[in-house]
Amino acid sequence: VHLAESGGGSVQAGGSLKLSCAASGSTVDIVAMGWFRQAPGKERELVAHITSNGDLTQYTNSVKGRFTITISSESVKKNVYLEMNRLQPGESAVYYCVTATEKRGYGHWGQGNQVIVSS
């Protein structure tokens, strides 16, 4: 599976960004996709997760009501998006797209997208 991410950047506090991730290759076994983030000196944390059919979404508490994860499929490609609103400076981090299969759980990771939120 190859993951191509886009959409990171810099924004002022209160602003919005939308991250995109396109999964290609052996996508038939993907059961879910998600977004993690890692800030300097902190552990990587799960931000949002969505099943491949879009029926179930989960969010870490701090982003509920502000972030929205969605998924779409085009032939053998799967695309996952993370719309982030009312961003806060503490949310500056590298955001990673990830895929999950039943066998491996979270297995394939994107290259990461830097998000910088300035106050």
C-alpha atoms as a PDB file:
ATOM      1  CA  VAL A   1       0.000   0.000   0.000  1.00  0.00           C
ATOM      2  CA  HIS A   2       1.287   3.428  -0.906  1.00  0.00           C
ATOM      3  CA  LEU A   3      -0.019   6.496   0.909  1.00  0.00           C
ATOM      4  CA  ALA A   4       0.281  10.008  -0.482  1.00  0.00           C
ATOM      5  CA  GLU A   5      -0.581  12.836   1.872  1.00  0.00           C
ATOM      6  CA  SER A   6      -1.211  16.482   1.162  1.00  0.00           C
ATOM      7  CA  GLY A   7      -2.748  19.554   2.727  1.00  0.00           C
ATOM      8  CA  GLY A   8      -0.547  20.477   5.660  1.00  0.00           C
ATOM      9  CA  GLY A   9       0.738  23.980   6.250  1.00  0.00           C
ATOM     10  CA  SER A  10       0.602  26.973   8.532  1.00  0.00           C
ATOM     11  CA  VAL A  11      -2.482  28.634   9.921  1.00  0.00           C
ATOM     12  CA  GLN A  12      -3.319  31.069  12.688  1.00  0.00           C
ATOM     13  CA  ALA A  13      -5.151  29.906  15.782  1.00  0.00           C
ATOM     14  CA  GLY A  14      -8.828  29.525  15.037  1.00  0.00           C
ATOM     15  CA  GLY A  15      -8.155  28.744  11.408  1.00  0.00           C
ATOM     16  CA  SER A  16      -8.832  25.646   9.346  1.00  0.00           C
ATOM     17  CA  LEU A  17      -6.900  23.133   7.294  1.00  0.00           C
ATOM     18  CA  LYS A  18      -7.883  20.030   5.383  1.00  0.00           C
ATOM     19  CA  LEU A  19      -5.562  17.046   5.091  1.00  0.00           C
ATOM     20  CA  SER A  20      -5.890  14.491   2.331  1.00  0.00           C
ATOM     21  CA  CYS A  21      -4.457  11.015   1.950  1.00  0.00           C
ATOM     22  CA  ALA A  22      -4.714   8.735  -1.064  1.00  0.00           C
ATOM     23  CA  ALA A  23      -4.109   5.007  -0.593  1.00  0.00           C
ATOM     24  CA  SER A  24      -3.194   2.963  -3.655  1.00  0.00           C
ATOM     25  CA  GLY A  25      -1.869  -0.507  -4.308  1.00  0.00           C
ATOM     26  CA  SER A  26      -3.237  -3.429  -2.298  1.00  0.00           C
ATOM     27  CA  THR A  27      -6.178  -1.611  -0.755  1.00  0.00           C
ATOM     28  CA  VAL A  28      -8.682  -4.474  -0.786  1.00  0.00           C
ATOM     29  CA  ASP A  29      -7.747  -5.553   2.753  1.00  0.00           C
ATOM     30  CA  ILE A  30      -8.054  -2.099   4.268  1.00  0.00           C
ATOM     31  CA  VAL A  31     -10.798  -2.073   6.883  1.00  0.00           C
ATOM     32  CA  ALA A  32     -10.168   1.393   8.278  1.00  0.00           C
ATOM     33  CA  MET A  33      -8.035   4.483   7.911  1.00  0.00           C
ATOM     34  CA  GLY A  34      -7.006   7.070  10.399  1.00  0.00           C
ATOM     35  CA  TRP A  35      -4.959  10.106  11.274  1.00  0.00           C
ATOM     36  CA  PHE A  36      -2.339  10.265  13.992  1.00  0.00           C
ATOM     37  CA  ARG A  37      -0.288  13.257  15.051  1.00  0.00           C
ATOM     38  CA  GLN A  38       2.995  13.694  16.821  1.00  0.00           C
ATOM     39  CA  ALA A  39       4.222  16.912  18.343  1.00  0.00           C
ATOM     40  CA  PRO A  40       7.883  17.424  19.288  1.00  0.00           C
ATOM     41  CA  GLY A  41       8.694  15.606  22.493  1.00  0.00           C
ATOM     42  CA  LYS A  42       5.316  13.913  22.653  1.00  0.00           C
ATOM     43  CA  GLU A  43       4.034  10.481  21.807  1.00  0.00           C
ATOM     44  CA  ARG A  44       2.139   9.831  18.626  1.00  0.00           C
ATOM     45  CA  GLU A  45      -1.598   9.970  19.285  1.00  0.00           C
ATOM     46  CA  LEU A  46      -4.636   8.842  17.349  1.00  0.00           C
ATOM     47  CA  VAL A  47      -6.671  11.843  16.235  1.00  0.00           C
ATOM     48  CA  ALA A  48      -9.459  10.228  14.219  1.00  0.00           C
ATOM     49  CA  HIS A  49     -10.359   6.882  12.725  1.00  0.00           C
ATOM     50  CA  ILE A  50     -12.947   5.779  10.172  1.00  0.00           C
ATOM     51  CA  THR A  51     -14.016   2.402   8.842  1.00  0.00           C
ATOM     52  CA  SER A  52     -13.588   1.800   5.121  1.00  0.00           C
ATOM     53  CA  ASN A  53     -17.325   2.008   4.480  1.00  0.00           C
ATOM     54  CA  GLY A  54     -17.564   5.233   6.466  1.00  0.00           C
ATOM     55  CA  ASP A  55     -20.072   3.817   8.938  1.00  0.00           C
ATOM     56  CA  LEU A  56     -18.017   4.324  12.087  1.00  0.00           C
ATOM     57  CA  THR A  57     -15.871   7.258  13.104  1.00  0.00           C
ATOM     58  CA  GLN A  58     -13.938   7.863  16.294  1.00  0.00           C
ATOM     59  CA  TYR A  59     -12.188  10.976  17.532  1.00  0.00           C
ATOM     60  CA  THR A  60      -9.908  11.799  20.382  1.00  0.00           C
ATOM     61  CA  ASN A  61     -11.836  13.913  22.866  1.00  0.00           C
ATOM     62  CA  SER A  62      -9.939  17.127  22.288  1.00  0.00           C
ATOM     63  CA  VAL A  63     -10.969  17.367  18.620  1.00  0.00           C
ATOM     64  CA  LYS A  64     -14.608  16.292  18.844  1.00  0.00           C
ATOM     65  CA  GLY A  65     -16.870  18.879  17.268  1.00  0.00           C
ATOM     66  CA  ARG A  66     -13.975  20.553  15.441  1.00  0.00           C
ATOM     67  CA  PHE A  67     -12.424  17.844  13.260  1.00  0.00           C
ATOM     68  CA  THR A  68     -14.216  15.688  10.705  1.00  0.00           C
ATOM     69  CA  ILE A  69     -12.819  12.548   9.094  1.00  0.00           C
ATOM     70  CA  THR A  70     -14.301  11.253   5.854  1.00  0.00           C
ATOM     71  CA  ILE A  71     -13.433   8.517   3.391  1.00  0.00           C
ATOM     72  CA  SER A  72     -14.109   7.869  -0.288  1.00  0.00           C
ATOM     73  CA  SER A  73     -13.236   5.154  -2.767  1.00  0.00           C
ATOM     74  CA  GLU A  74     -12.345   5.432  -6.451  1.00  0.00           C
ATOM     75  CA  SER A  75     -11.837   2.055  -8.068  1.00  0.00           C
ATOM     76  CA  VAL A  76      -8.937   0.509  -6.099  1.00  0.00           C
ATOM     77  CA  LYS A  77      -7.943   3.773  -4.425  1.00  0.00           C
ATOM     78  CA  LYS A  78      -9.143   4.920  -1.066  1.00  0.00           C
ATOM     79  CA  ASN A  79      -9.003   8.530   0.042  1.00  0.00           C
ATOM     80  CA  VAL A  80      -9.278   9.763   3.586  1.00  0.00           C
ATOM     81  CA  TYR A  81      -9.639  13.376   4.615  1.00  0.00           C
ATOM     82  CA  LEU A  82      -9.347  15.248   7.859  1.00  0.00           C
ATOM     83  CA  GLU A  83     -11.031  18.619   8.029  1.00  0.00           C
ATOM     84  CA  MET A  84      -9.683  20.569  10.983  1.00  0.00           C
ATOM     85  CA  ASN A  85     -11.470  23.641  12.271  1.00  0.00           C
ATOM     86  CA  ARG A  86     -10.742  26.077  15.104  1.00  0.00           C
ATOM     87  CA  LEU A  87      -7.170  24.848  15.274  1.00  0.00           C
ATOM     88  CA  GLN A  88      -5.202  25.630  18.408  1.00  0.00           C
ATOM     89  CA  PRO A  89      -1.454  26.255  18.791  1.00  0.00           C
ATOM     90  CA  GLY A  90      -1.080  23.087  20.850  1.00  0.00           C
ATOM     91  CA  GLU A  91      -2.163  21.107  17.809  1.00  0.00           C
ATOM     92  CA  SER A  92       0.954  21.891  15.844  1.00  0.00           C
ATOM     93  CA  ALA A  93       2.374  18.519  14.931  1.00  0.00           C
ATOM     94  CA  VAL A  94       3.215  16.178  12.122  1.00  0.00           C
ATOM     95  CA  TYR A  95       0.015  14.482  11.043  1.00  0.00           C
ATOM     96  CA  TYR A  96       0.228  10.959   9.655  1.00  0.00           C
ATOM     97  CA  CYS A  97      -2.270   9.030   7.590  1.00  0.00           C
ATOM     98  CA  VAL A  98      -2.469   5.317   8.381  1.00  0.00           C
ATOM     99  CA  THR A  99      -4.332   2.267   7.114  1.00  0.00           C
ATOM    100  CA  ALA A 100      -5.602  -0.676   9.125  1.00  0.00           C
ATOM    101  CA  THR A 101      -6.232  -4.280   8.114  1.00  0.00           C
ATOM    102  CA  GLU A 102      -7.770  -7.082  10.151  1.00  0.00           C
ATOM    103  CA  LYS A 103      -4.483  -8.990  10.212  1.00  0.00           C
ATOM    104  CA  ARG A 104      -2.061  -6.209  11.036  1.00  0.00           C
ATOM    105  CA  GLY A 105      -4.097  -3.457  12.607  1.00  0.00           C
ATOM    106  CA  TYR A 106      -2.483  -0.110  11.799  1.00  0.00           C
ATOM    107  CA  GLY A 107       0.210  -1.057   9.322  1.00  0.00           C
ATOM    108  CA  HIS A 108       1.006   1.408   6.545  1.00  0.00           C
ATOM    109  CA  TRP A 109       1.907   4.975   7.319  1.00  0.00           C
ATOM    110  CA  GLY A 110       2.056   8.067   5.179  1.00  0.00           C
ATOM    111  CA  GLN A 111       5.102  10.310   5.065  1.00  0.00           C
ATOM    112  CA  GLY A 112       3.577  12.834   7.442  1.00  0.00           C
ATOM    113  CA  ASN A 113       2.343  16.372   6.951  1.00  0.00           C
ATOM    114  CA  GLN A 114       3.508  19.279   9.072  1.00  0.00           C
ATOM    115  CA  VAL A 115       0.752  21.411  10.557  1.00  0.00           C
ATOM    116  CA  ILE A 116       1.783  24.624  12.298  1.00  0.00           C
ATOM    117  CA  VAL A 117      -0.747  26.654  14.240  1.00  0.00           C
ATOM    118  CA  SER A 118       0.470  30.066  15.346  1.00  0.00           C
ATOM    119  CA  SER A 119      -1.060  32.138  18.120  1.00  0.00           C
END
